C-alpha atoms as a PDB file:
ATOM      1  CA  MET A   1     -24.234 -14.835  11.781  1.00  0.00           C
ATOM      2  CA  GLN A   2     -26.810 -15.604  14.471  1.00  0.00           C
ATOM      3  CA  ASN A   3     -27.087 -12.855  17.093  1.00  0.00           C
ATOM      4  CA  PHE A   4     -24.515 -10.700  15.249  1.00  0.00           C
ATOM      5  CA  ILE A   5     -25.806  -7.333  14.052  1.00  0.00           C
ATOM      6  CA  CYS A   6     -23.441  -5.045  12.157  1.00  0.00           C
ATOM      7  CA  PHE A   7     -23.670  -1.264  11.799  1.00  0.00           C
ATOM      8  CA  LYS A   8     -24.964  -1.389   8.234  1.00  0.00           C
ATOM      9  CA  GLN A   9     -27.702  -3.911   9.052  1.00  0.00           C
ATOM     10  CA  LEU A  10     -28.824  -1.905  12.070  1.00  0.00           C
ATOM     11  CA  ALA A  11     -29.050   1.318  10.094  1.00  0.00           C
ATOM     12  CA  ARG A  12     -31.037  -0.376   7.311  1.00  0.00           C
ATOM     13  CA  ARG A  13     -33.492  -1.944   9.739  1.00  0.00           C
ATOM     14  CA  ALA A  14     -33.952   1.295  11.626  1.00  0.00           C
ATOM     15  CA  ALA A  15     -34.669   3.151   8.395  1.00  0.00           C
ATOM     16  CA  THR A  16     -37.329   0.649   7.332  1.00  0.00           C
ATOM     17  CA  GLY A  17     -38.918   0.343  10.741  1.00  0.00           C
ATOM     18  CA  LEU A  18     -38.004  -3.317  11.154  1.00  0.00           C
ATOM     19  CA  ILE A  19     -36.462  -3.064  14.614  1.00  0.00           C
ATOM     20  CA  LEU A  20     -39.246  -4.510  16.755  1.00  0.00           C
ATOM     21  CA  VAL A  21     -37.294  -5.767  19.766  1.00  0.00           C
ATOM     22  CA  ALA A  22     -35.551  -4.086  22.657  1.00  0.00           C
ATOM     23  CA  ALA A  23     -31.802  -3.463  22.462  1.00  0.00           C
ATOM     24  CA  ALA A  24     -31.164  -6.140  25.084  1.00  0.00           C
ATOM     25  CA  SER A  25     -32.485  -8.857  22.789  1.00  0.00           C
ATOM     26  CA  PHE A  26     -29.588  -8.732  20.311  1.00  0.00           C
ATOM     27  CA  THR A  27     -25.836  -9.063  20.644  1.00  0.00           C
ATOM     28  CA  TRP A  28     -23.481  -6.266  19.680  1.00  0.00           C
ATOM     29  CA  ALA A  29     -19.937  -7.124  18.678  1.00  0.00           C
ATOM     30  CA  ASP A  30     -17.634  -4.739  20.515  1.00  0.00           C
ATOM     31  CA  VAL A  31     -14.294  -6.477  20.980  1.00  0.00           C
ATOM     32  CA  PHE A  32     -11.928  -7.980  18.409  1.00  0.00           C
ATOM     33  CA  VAL A  33      -8.805  -9.966  19.386  1.00  0.00           C
ATOM     34  CA  SER A  34      -6.126 -11.231  17.001  1.00  0.00           C
ATOM     35  CA  SER A  35      -4.966 -14.797  17.722  1.00  0.00           C
ATOM     36  CA  GLU A  36      -1.528 -15.621  16.318  1.00  0.00           C
ATOM     37  CA  LYS A  37      -1.778 -19.410  16.498  1.00  0.00           C
ATOM     38  CA  ASP A  38      -5.419 -19.672  15.402  1.00  0.00           C
ATOM     39  CA  ASN A  39      -4.971 -17.452  12.331  1.00  0.00           C
ATOM     40  CA  ALA A  40      -8.160 -15.700  13.295  1.00  0.00           C
ATOM     41  CA  ILE A  41      -9.746 -12.631  14.814  1.00  0.00           C
ATOM     42  CA  MET A  42     -11.990 -13.526  17.733  1.00  0.00           C
ATOM     43  CA  VAL A  43     -15.197 -11.506  17.968  1.00  0.00           C
ATOM     44  CA  LEU A  44     -16.632 -10.884  21.443  1.00  0.00           C
ATOM     45  CA  GLN A  45     -19.393  -8.941  23.112  1.00  0.00           C
ATOM     46  CA  ASN A  46     -18.265  -6.159  25.410  1.00  0.00           C
ATOM     47  CA  ASP A  47     -18.792  -8.463  28.406  1.00  0.00           C
ATOM     48  CA  GLY A  48     -16.424 -11.040  26.898  1.00  0.00           C
ATOM     49  CA  THR A  49     -19.072 -13.427  25.577  1.00  0.00           C
ATOM     50  CA  PHE A  50     -17.765 -15.253  22.508  1.00  0.00           C
ATOM     51  CA  ILE A  51     -19.567 -14.612  19.209  1.00  0.00           C
ATOM     52  CA  LYS A  52     -17.417 -16.083  16.454  1.00  0.00           C
ATOM     53  CA  ASN A  53     -13.958 -16.408  14.891  1.00  0.00           C
ATOM     54  CA  ILE A  54     -13.078 -14.770  11.577  1.00  0.00           C
ATOM     55  CA  ALA A  55     -10.372 -16.618   9.628  1.00  0.00           C
ATOM     56  CA  THR A  56      -7.422 -14.459   8.553  1.00  0.00           C
ATOM     57  CA  CYS A  57      -4.009 -14.726   6.969  1.00  0.00           C
ATOM     58  CA  LYS A  58      -1.258 -16.453   8.964  1.00  0.00           C
ATOM     59  CA  ARG A  59      -0.099 -15.148  12.339  1.00  0.00           C
ATOM     60  CA  PRO A  60      -2.351 -12.090  12.713  1.00  0.00           C
ATOM     61  CA  ARG A  61      -0.987  -9.486  15.082  1.00  0.00           C
ATOM     62  CA  HIS A  62      -1.491  -5.720  15.029  1.00  0.00           C
ATOM     63  CA  MET A  63      -4.932  -4.442  13.933  1.00  0.00           C
ATOM     64  CA  ALA A  64      -6.457  -1.099  12.936  1.00  0.00           C
ATOM     65  CA  TRP A  65      -9.882   0.079  11.844  1.00  0.00           C
ATOM     66  CA  ALA A  66     -10.366   0.951   8.175  1.00  0.00           C
ATOM     67  CA  ASN A  67     -13.122   2.065   5.811  1.00  0.00           C
ATOM     68  CA  ALA A  68     -15.043   4.041   8.436  1.00  0.00           C
ATOM     69  CA  GLY A  69     -15.143   1.140  10.881  1.00  0.00           C
ATOM     70  CA  LYS A  70     -16.517  -1.353   8.366  1.00  0.00           C
ATOM     71  CA  GLN A  71     -13.239  -3.228   8.024  1.00  0.00           C
ATOM     72  CA  ILE A  72     -10.235  -4.278  10.084  1.00  0.00           C
ATOM     73  CA  MET A  73      -6.708  -4.294   8.710  1.00  0.00           C
ATOM     74  CA  VAL A  74      -4.475  -6.894  10.372  1.00  0.00           C
ATOM     75  CA  ALA A  75      -0.729  -7.492   9.962  1.00  0.00           C
ATOM     76  CA  CYS A  76      -0.004 -11.174   9.284  1.00  0.00           C
ATOM     77  CA  GLY A  77       3.638 -11.942   9.975  1.00  0.00           C
ATOM     78  CA  ASP A  78       3.756 -15.375   8.344  1.00  0.00           C
ATOM     79  CA  SER A  79       1.791 -14.366   5.227  1.00  0.00           C
ATOM     80  CA  ASP A  80       3.803 -11.218   4.472  1.00  0.00           C
ATOM     81  CA  GLN A  81       0.653  -9.175   4.089  1.00  0.00           C
ATOM     82  CA  ILE A  82      -1.908  -7.001   5.799  1.00  0.00           C
ATOM     83  CA  GLY A  83      -5.237  -8.757   5.625  1.00  0.00           C
ATOM     84  CA  ILE A  84      -8.420  -6.737   5.133  1.00  0.00           C
ATOM     85  CA  VAL A  85     -11.369  -8.177   7.035  1.00  0.00           C
ATOM     86  CA  ASP A  86     -14.941  -7.100   6.322  1.00  0.00           C
ATOM     87  CA  ILE A  87     -16.963  -7.059   9.524  1.00  0.00           C
ATOM     88  CA  ALA A  88     -20.406  -7.448   7.917  1.00  0.00           C
ATOM     89  CA  ALA A  89     -19.246 -10.288   5.652  1.00  0.00           C
ATOM     90  CA  GLY A  90     -17.400 -11.932   8.533  1.00  0.00           C
ATOM     91  CA  LYS A  91     -14.364 -12.844   6.426  1.00  0.00           C
ATOM     92  CA  GLN A  92     -11.098 -11.605   4.983  1.00  0.00           C
ATOM     93  CA  VAL A  93     -11.924 -10.020   1.636  1.00  0.00           C
ATOM     94  CA  ASP A  94      -8.599  -8.609   0.467  1.00  0.00           C
ATOM     95  CA  ALA A  95      -4.920  -8.251   1.320  1.00  0.00           C
ATOM     96  CA  LEU A  96      -2.124  -5.733   0.961  1.00  0.00           C
ATOM     97  CA  PRO A  97       1.168  -7.521   0.131  1.00  0.00           C
ATOM     98  CA  THR A  98       4.098  -6.296   2.237  1.00  0.00           C
ATOM     99  CA  GLY A  99       7.730  -7.076   2.853  1.00  0.00           C
ATOM    100  CA  GLU A 100       8.769 -10.077   4.895  1.00  0.00           C
ATOM    101  CA  SER A 101       7.292 -10.374   8.391  1.00  0.00           C
ATOM    102  CA  PRO A 102       5.312  -7.140   8.866  1.00  0.00           C
ATOM    103  CA  GLU A 103       5.231  -6.145  12.531  1.00  0.00           C
ATOM    104  CA  ILE A 104       3.183  -3.039  13.299  1.00  0.00           C
ATOM    105  CA  PHE A 105       1.583  -0.496  10.956  1.00  0.00           C
ATOM    106  CA  ALA A 106      -0.149   2.852  11.150  1.00  0.00           C
ATOM    107  CA  LEU A 107      -2.418   4.614   8.684  1.00  0.00           C
ATOM    108  CA  SER A 108      -2.123   8.147   7.357  1.00  0.00           C
ATOM    109  CA  PRO A 109      -4.856  10.567   8.505  1.00  0.00           C
ATOM    110  CA  ASP A 110      -6.623  10.190   5.135  1.00  0.00           C
ATOM    111  CA  ALA A 111      -6.339   6.380   5.411  1.00  0.00           C
ATOM    112  CA  LYS A 112      -4.751   6.161   1.962  1.00  0.00           C
ATOM    113  CA  THR A 113      -1.271   5.087   3.076  1.00  0.00           C
ATOM    114  CA  ALA A 114      -0.100   2.315   5.399  1.00  0.00           C
ATOM    115  CA  TYR A 115       3.279   2.744   7.086  1.00  0.00           C
ATOM    116  CA  VAL A 116       4.591  -0.719   7.986  1.00  0.00           C
ATOM    117  CA  SER A 117       7.592  -1.828  10.023  1.00  0.00           C
ATOM    118  CA  ILE A 118       9.379  -4.694   8.259  1.00  0.00           C
ATOM    119  CA  GLU A 119      11.576  -6.565  10.709  1.00  0.00           C
ATOM    120  CA  GLU A 120      13.554  -8.662   8.251  1.00  0.00           C
ATOM    121  CA  GLY A 121      14.571  -5.685   6.130  1.00  0.00           C
ATOM    122  CA  SER A 122      15.143  -3.247   9.015  1.00  0.00           C
ATOM    123  CA  GLN A 123      12.974  -0.678   7.311  1.00  0.00           C
ATOM    124  CA  MET A 124       9.696   1.161   7.312  1.00  0.00           C
ATOM    125  CA  ILE A 125       7.801   0.892   4.036  1.00  0.00           C
ATOM    126  CA  ALA A 126       4.937   3.175   2.998  1.00  0.00           C
ATOM    127  CA  TYR A 127       2.259   1.464   0.872  1.00  0.00           C
ATOM    128  CA  ASP A 128      -0.487   3.041  -1.199  1.00  0.00           C
ATOM    129  CA  ILE A 129      -3.522   1.052  -0.071  1.00  0.00           C
ATOM    130  CA  ALA A 130      -5.579   1.532  -3.238  1.00  0.00           C
ATOM    131  CA  SER A 131      -2.905   0.388  -5.692  1.00  0.00           C
ATOM    132  CA  LYS A 132      -1.209  -1.987  -3.211  1.00  0.00           C
ATOM    133  CA  LYS A 133       2.141  -0.598  -4.314  1.00  0.00           C
ATOM    134  CA  PRO A 134       5.068   0.529  -2.143  1.00  0.00           C
ATOM    135  CA  VAL A 135       5.521   4.302  -2.278  1.00  0.00           C
ATOM    136  CA  PHE A 136       8.845   4.656  -0.470  1.00  0.00           C
ATOM    137  CA  SER A 137      10.976   3.003   2.196  1.00  0.00           C
ATOM    138  CA  VAL A 138      13.318   4.280   4.888  1.00  0.00           C
ATOM    139  CA  LYS A 139      16.016   2.259   6.610  1.00  0.00           C
ATOM    140  CA  THR A 140      15.742   2.032  10.383  1.00  0.00           C
ATOM    141  CA  GLY A 141      17.718   0.344  13.107  1.00  0.00           C
ATOM    142  CA  ALA A 142      17.481  -3.427  13.373  1.00  0.00           C
ATOM    143  CA  GLU A 143      14.143  -5.006  14.359  1.00  0.00           C
ATOM    144  CA  PRO A 144      11.798  -2.079  13.846  1.00  0.00           C
ATOM    145  CA  GLU A 145       8.403  -2.532  15.483  1.00  0.00           C
ATOM    146  CA  GLY A 146       6.255   0.316  16.750  1.00  0.00           C
ATOM    147  CA  VAL A 147       4.878   2.775  14.196  1.00  0.00           C
ATOM    148  CA  LEU A 148       2.916   5.963  14.875  1.00  0.00           C
ATOM    149  CA  VAL A 149       1.829   8.712  12.490  1.00  0.00           C
ATOM    150  CA  ALA A 150       1.560  12.278  13.788  1.00  0.00           C
ATOM    151  CA  ALA A 151      -1.960  13.708  13.744  1.00  0.00           C
ATOM    152  CA  ASP A 152      -1.125  16.045  10.849  1.00  0.00           C
ATOM    153  CA  GLY A 153       0.393  13.169   8.865  1.00  0.00           C
ATOM    154  CA  LYS A 154       3.722  14.938   8.367  1.00  0.00           C
ATOM    155  CA  LEU A 155       5.924  12.674  10.517  1.00  0.00           C
ATOM    156  CA  VAL A 156       6.122   8.943  11.148  1.00  0.00           C
ATOM    157  CA  TYR A 157       7.800   7.520  14.257  1.00  0.00           C
ATOM    158  CA  VAL A 158       9.356   4.027  14.257  1.00  0.00           C
ATOM    159  CA  THR A 159      11.003   2.127  17.126  1.00  0.00           C
ATOM    160  CA  SER A 160      14.135   0.004  16.716  1.00  0.00           C
ATOM    161  CA  GLU A 161      14.432  -2.751  19.317  1.00  0.00           C
ATOM    162  CA  VAL A 162      18.152  -3.339  18.745  1.00  0.00           C
ATOM    163  CA  THR A 163      19.430   0.250  18.597  1.00  0.00           C
ATOM    164  CA  ASN A 164      17.171   1.410  21.452  1.00  0.00           C
ATOM    165  CA  SER A 165      15.992   4.360  19.438  1.00  0.00           C
ATOM    166  CA  VAL A 166      13.058   6.091  17.819  1.00  0.00           C
ATOM    167  CA  HIS A 167      13.469   7.054  14.169  1.00  0.00           C
ATOM    168  CA  ILE A 168      11.612  10.117  12.882  1.00  0.00           C
ATOM    169  CA  VAL A 169      10.641  10.071   9.203  1.00  0.00           C
ATOM    170  CA  ASP A 170       9.500  13.122   7.234  1.00  0.00           C
ATOM    171  CA  VAL A 171       6.730  12.079   4.845  1.00  0.00           C
ATOM    172  CA  ALA A 172       7.267  14.948   2.413  1.00  0.00           C
ATOM    173  CA  THR A 173      10.994  14.351   1.922  1.00  0.00           C
ATOM    174  CA  ARG A 174      10.732  10.584   2.525  1.00  0.00           C
ATOM    175  CA  LYS A 175      13.833  10.714   4.691  1.00  0.00           C
ATOM    176  CA  GLN A 176      14.789  10.213   8.298  1.00  0.00           C
ATOM    177  CA  VAL A 177      15.049  13.623   9.940  1.00  0.00           C
ATOM    178  CA  GLY A 178      15.802  12.633  13.508  1.00  0.00           C
ATOM    179  CA  MET A 179      16.577   9.879  15.962  1.00  0.00           C
ATOM    180  CA  VAL A 180      15.991   9.794  19.714  1.00  0.00           C
ATOM    181  CA  LYS A 181      17.733   7.362  22.061  1.00  0.00           C
ATOM    182  CA  VAL A 182      15.309   5.794  24.535  1.00  0.00           C
ATOM    183  CA  GLY A 183      15.334   2.752  26.859  1.00  0.00           C
ATOM    184  CA  LYS A 184      16.197  -0.864  26.192  1.00  0.00           C
ATOM    185  CA  ARG A 185      14.154  -2.590  23.489  1.00  0.00           C
ATOM    186  CA  PRO A 186      11.524   0.051  22.697  1.00  0.00           C
ATOM    187  CA  ARG A 187       8.285  -1.469  21.456  1.00  0.00           C
ATOM    188  CA  ARG A 188       5.124   0.657  21.164  1.00  0.00           C
ATOM    189  CA  PHE A 189       3.958   4.258  21.094  1.00  0.00           C
ATOM    190  CA  ALA A 190       1.201   6.475  22.426  1.00  0.00           C
ATOM    191  CA  MET A 191       0.817  10.188  21.728  1.00  0.00           C
ATOM    192  CA  THR A 192      -0.882  12.705  23.981  1.00  0.00           C
ATOM    193  CA  PRO A 193      -3.933  14.304  22.314  1.00  0.00           C
ATOM    194  CA  ASP A 194      -2.197  17.681  22.007  1.00  0.00           C
ATOM    195  CA  GLY A 195       0.767  16.044  20.273  1.00  0.00           C
ATOM    196  CA  SER A 196       3.290  17.435  22.752  1.00  0.00           C
ATOM    197  CA  GLU A 197       4.455  14.107  24.219  1.00  0.00           C
ATOM    198  CA  LEU A 198       5.320  10.817  22.574  1.00  0.00           C
ATOM    199  CA  TRP A 199       5.385   7.885  25.013  1.00  0.00           C
ATOM    200  CA  VAL A 200       7.500   4.804  24.228  1.00  0.00           C
ATOM    201  CA  THR A 201       7.439   1.490  26.114  1.00  0.00           C
ATOM    202  CA  ASN A 202      10.861  -0.055  26.779  1.00  0.00           C
ATOM    203  CA  GLU A 203      10.380  -3.791  27.252  1.00  0.00           C
ATOM    204  CA  LEU A 204      13.827  -4.561  28.687  1.00  0.00           C
ATOM    205  CA  GLY A 205      14.139  -1.234  30.482  1.00  0.00           C
ATOM    206  CA  SER A 206      11.081  -1.665  32.721  1.00  0.00           C
ATOM    207  CA  SER A 207      10.159   1.848  31.696  1.00  0.00           C
ATOM    208  CA  VAL A 208       8.404   4.326  29.426  1.00  0.00           C
ATOM    209  CA  SER A 209      10.423   7.076  27.759  1.00  0.00           C
ATOM    210  CA  ILE A 210       8.491  10.334  27.381  1.00  0.00           C
ATOM    211  CA  ILE A 211       9.677  12.363  24.395  1.00  0.00           C
ATOM    212  CA  ASP A 212       9.071  16.081  23.976  1.00  0.00           C
ATOM    213  CA  THR A 213       8.027  16.197  20.323  1.00  0.00           C
ATOM    214  CA  ALA A 214       9.072  19.823  19.825  1.00  0.00           C
ATOM    215  CA  SER A 215      12.675  19.384  20.966  1.00  0.00           C
ATOM    216  CA  ARG A 216      12.864  15.673  20.035  1.00  0.00           C
ATOM    217  CA  THR A 217      14.468  14.822  23.366  1.00  0.00           C
ATOM    218  CA  VAL A 218      13.499  12.541  26.263  1.00  0.00           C
ATOM    219  CA  LYS A 219      11.991  14.822  28.904  1.00  0.00           C
ATOM    220  CA  ASP A 220      11.228  12.110  31.472  1.00  0.00           C
ATOM    221  CA  THR A 221      11.487   8.374  32.085  1.00  0.00           C
ATOM    222  CA  LEU A 222       8.794   6.542  33.988  1.00  0.00           C
ATOM    223  CA  MET A 223      10.260   3.530  35.821  1.00  0.00           C
ATOM    224  CA  PHE A 224       8.000   0.700  36.944  1.00  0.00           C
ATOM    225  CA  GLU A 225       8.402  -1.132  40.250  1.00  0.00           C
ATOM    226  CA  LEU A 226       6.219  -3.806  41.791  1.00  0.00           C
ATOM    227  CA  THR A 227       6.728  -5.277  45.261  1.00  0.00           C
ATOM    228  CA  GLY A 228       7.883  -8.889  45.092  1.00  0.00           C
ATOM    229  CA  MET A 229       8.548  -8.708  41.341  1.00  0.00           C
ATOM    230  CA  ARG A 230      11.976  -8.849  39.717  1.00  0.00           C
ATOM    231  CA  LYS A 231      12.824  -5.826  37.619  1.00  0.00           C
ATOM    232  CA  ASN A 232      13.377  -7.877  34.445  1.00  0.00           C
ATOM    233  CA  ASP A 233       9.831  -9.211  34.730  1.00  0.00           C
ATOM    234  CA  LEU A 234       8.482  -5.683  34.426  1.00  0.00           C
ATOM    235  CA  SER A 235       8.473  -5.648  30.620  1.00  0.00           C
ATOM    236  CA  PRO A 236       6.055  -3.028  29.256  1.00  0.00           C
ATOM    237  CA  VAL A 237       4.824  -3.407  25.671  1.00  0.00           C
ATOM    238  CA  GLY A 238       1.224  -2.433  24.874  1.00  0.00           C
ATOM    239  CA  MET A 239       0.073   1.043  25.830  1.00  0.00           C
ATOM    240  CA  LEU A 240      -2.632   3.614  25.191  1.00  0.00           C
ATOM    241  CA  ILE A 241      -3.491   7.134  26.290  1.00  0.00           C
ATOM    242  CA  THR A 242      -7.145   7.987  26.850  1.00  0.00           C
ATOM    243  CA  PRO A 243      -8.807  10.515  24.508  1.00  0.00           C
ATOM    244  CA  ASP A 244      -8.991  13.115  27.285  1.00  0.00           C
ATOM    245  CA  GLY A 245      -5.217  12.857  27.726  1.00  0.00           C
ATOM    246  CA  LYS A 246      -5.432  12.241  31.458  1.00  0.00           C
ATOM    247  CA  THR A 247      -4.595   8.532  31.762  1.00  0.00           C
ATOM    248  CA  ALA A 248      -2.195   6.060  30.210  1.00  0.00           C
ATOM    249  CA  TRP A 249      -2.652   2.308  30.471  1.00  0.00           C
ATOM    250  CA  VAL A 250       0.519   0.224  30.170  1.00  0.00           C
ATOM    251  CA  ALA A 251       0.665  -3.584  29.940  1.00  0.00           C
ATOM    252  CA  LEU A 252       3.619  -4.781  32.026  1.00  0.00           C
ATOM    253  CA  GLY A 253       4.347  -8.016  30.167  1.00  0.00           C
ATOM    254  CA  ARG A 254       5.795 -10.823  32.292  1.00  0.00           C
ATOM    255  CA  ALA A 255       4.784  -8.981  35.466  1.00  0.00           C
ATOM    256  CA  ASN A 256       1.183 -10.008  34.629  1.00  0.00           C
ATOM    257  CA  HIS A 257      -0.185  -6.591  35.589  1.00  0.00           C
ATOM    258  CA  VAL A 258      -1.429  -3.472  33.841  1.00  0.00           C
ATOM    259  CA  ALA A 259      -0.521  -0.028  35.168  1.00  0.00           C
ATOM    260  CA  GLU A 260      -2.769   3.023  35.339  1.00  0.00           C
ATOM    261  CA  VAL A 261      -0.604   6.130  34.915  1.00  0.00           C
ATOM    262  CA  ASP A 262      -1.366   9.802  35.465  1.00  0.00           C
ATOM    263  CA  VAL A 263      -0.267  11.545  32.265  1.00  0.00           C
ATOM    264  CA  ALA A 264       0.161  15.009  33.792  1.00  0.00           C
ATOM    265  CA  THR A 265       2.467  13.882  36.604  1.00  0.00           C
ATOM    266  CA  HIS A 266       4.056  10.876  34.864  1.00  0.00           C
ATOM    267  CA  SER A 267       3.307   8.759  37.923  1.00  0.00           C
ATOM    268  CA  VAL A 268       1.668   5.370  38.500  1.00  0.00           C
ATOM    269  CA  ARG A 269      -1.716   5.536  40.179  1.00  0.00           C
ATOM    270  CA  LYS A 270      -2.224   1.807  40.583  1.00  0.00           C
ATOM    271  CA  VAL A 271      -1.413  -1.604  39.111  1.00  0.00           C
ATOM    272  CA  ILE A 272      -4.007  -4.281  38.404  1.00  0.00           C
ATOM    273  CA  LEU A 273      -3.416  -8.032  38.194  1.00  0.00           C
ATOM    274  CA  ALA A 274      -4.462  -9.566  34.877  1.00  0.00           C
ATOM    275  CA  GLY A 275      -3.266 -12.769  33.122  1.00  0.00           C
ATOM    276  CA  LYS A 276       0.113 -14.154  32.107  1.00  0.00           C
ATOM    277  CA  ARG A 277       2.256 -11.793  30.021  1.00  0.00           C
ATOM    278  CA  THR A 278      -0.032  -8.823  29.564  1.00  0.00           C
ATOM    279  CA  TRP A 279       0.531  -7.590  26.021  1.00  0.00           C
ATOM    280  CA  GLY A 280      -2.098  -5.523  24.212  1.00  0.00           C
ATOM    281  CA  VAL A 281      -4.621  -3.087  25.701  1.00  0.00           C
ATOM    282  CA  GLY A 282      -7.814  -1.449  24.446  1.00  0.00           C
ATOM    283  CA  LEU A 283     -10.635   0.684  25.852  1.00  0.00           C
ATOM    284  CA  ASN A 284     -14.317   0.452  25.018  1.00  0.00           C
ATOM    285  CA  GLY A 285     -16.130   3.424  23.518  1.00  0.00           C
ATOM    286  CA  ASP A 286     -17.100   5.184  26.732  1.00  0.00           C
ATOM    287  CA  GLY A 287     -13.833   4.368  28.507  1.00  0.00           C
ATOM    288  CA  SER A 288     -15.507   2.346  31.239  1.00  0.00           C
ATOM    289  CA  ARG A 289     -13.815  -0.960  30.442  1.00  0.00           C
ATOM    290  CA  LEU A 290     -10.201  -1.802  29.699  1.00  0.00           C
ATOM    291  CA  TYR A 291      -9.417  -4.984  27.774  1.00  0.00           C
ATOM    292  CA  VAL A 292      -6.040  -6.607  28.450  1.00  0.00           C
ATOM    293  CA  VAL A 293      -4.667  -9.327  26.162  1.00  0.00           C
ATOM    294  CA  ASN A 294      -2.667 -11.990  28.007  1.00  0.00           C
ATOM    295  CA  GLY A 295      -0.321 -13.740  25.580  1.00  0.00           C
ATOM    296  CA  LEU A 296       0.809 -16.694  27.687  1.00  0.00           C
ATOM    297  CA  SER A 297      -2.462 -17.572  29.404  1.00  0.00           C
ATOM    298  CA  ASP A 298      -4.410 -17.297  26.128  1.00  0.00           C
ATOM    299  CA  ASP A 299      -7.087 -15.055  27.552  1.00  0.00           C
ATOM    300  CA  LEU A 300      -8.468 -11.538  27.877  1.00  0.00           C
ATOM    301  CA  THR A 301      -8.950  -9.707  31.167  1.00  0.00           C
ATOM    302  CA  ILE A 302     -11.740  -7.134  31.450  1.00  0.00           C
ATOM    303  CA  VAL A 303     -11.043  -4.305  33.896  1.00  0.00           C
ATOM    304  CA  ASP A 304     -13.690  -1.982  35.338  1.00  0.00           C
ATOM    305  CA  VAL A 305     -11.984   1.387  35.040  1.00  0.00           C
ATOM    306  CA  ALA A 306     -13.978   3.164  37.750  1.00  0.00           C
ATOM    307  CA  SER A 307     -13.142   0.631  40.449  1.00  0.00           C
ATOM    308  CA  GLY A 308      -9.745  -0.286  39.057  1.00  0.00           C
ATOM    309  CA  LYS A 309     -10.498  -3.990  39.389  1.00  0.00           C
ATOM    310  CA  ALA A 310     -10.442  -6.929  37.025  1.00  0.00           C
ATOM    311  CA  ILE A 311     -14.005  -8.216  36.754  1.00  0.00           C
ATOM    312  CA  LYS A 312     -13.622 -11.125  34.358  1.00  0.00           C
ATOM    313  CA  THR A 313     -11.105 -13.131  32.340  1.00  0.00           C
ATOM    314  CA  VAL A 314     -12.268 -15.012  29.240  1.00  0.00           C
ATOM    315  CA  PRO A 315     -10.583 -17.279  26.643  1.00  0.00           C
ATOM    316  CA  ALA A 316      -9.087 -15.369  23.705  1.00  0.00           C
ATOM    317  CA  GLY A 317      -7.594 -17.977  21.387  1.00  0.00           C
ATOM    318  CA  ARG A 318      -4.036 -19.256  21.211  1.00  0.00           C
ATOM    319  CA  VAL A 319      -1.397 -16.559  21.726  1.00  0.00           C
ATOM    320  CA  PRO A 320      -3.657 -13.507  21.512  1.00  0.00           C
ATOM    321  CA  HIS A 321      -1.755 -10.423  20.388  1.00  0.00           C
ATOM    322  CA  SER A 322      -3.871  -7.272  20.020  1.00  0.00           C
ATOM    323  CA  VAL A 323      -7.324  -6.007  20.888  1.00  0.00           C
ATOM    324  CA  ILE A 324      -9.423  -3.264  19.326  1.00  0.00           C
ATOM    325  CA  THR A 325     -12.930  -2.116  20.135  1.00  0.00           C
ATOM    326  CA  ASN A 326     -15.638  -0.218  18.298  1.00  0.00           C
END
């Protein structure tokens, strides 16, 4: 644990007056990357400096913060579980058993329920995290992946890669209450802060479908084009919308770029070259740095948001999948 200081340790030392060195003298862990082939979460400083690997269940993919930022939940496709990793302990301390090959999950606003897409069963299953028991399941189209819970916790959205649709599940009735047709092979979601727009990446459609959540219809489709690049190489997957709702960042897959998009106008501001098969994206706390996971070059590109330029690319394990920051 050399040079690794967790939140709890820092608070305890501050309270007892034991912090005697300047902030620059210790390392803060800011970036966490899941590595499918290494069965680990890689821990990095915000400048990309490697700190350590934390062993996880098999084939870790999607991650989310839990327990007030003290733990990370990670979907492990080959272990049929969501691993629970304690940051201070530096190890996986528990697991939530799931159906076969969990893909993506999202937590309820009270963090008591995990909604998990189960590819093999073509369903979304809701699990009570405390008891580790399934609460209910809803059938979806084949190969469900992306999952997003509305801010009020009343609806859950799930993508189906085969049916090119978004399924809308009502939590209270535990039933599907709507379905929206989008582009080819929809993968991931992002919601605007006001909840009015749901953005969906379409990997084989070279596009993002923008759904009006009130009418449950596609209000616009953002098509990506890149000079010298074939359309089928523009394969968006990972995406996020900034907390201020002004900017979306979209990883363009085999095009090896990430796009900066103006949310208000639904238009691309610029594209930035990263590594091979850009996949997951994450922002640091103040929004000054974008982290781009590159699945085929096994690395992580760090982008300076203000200048719109990649400033560094660092190793990120074998087949890195997702990135989260604290």
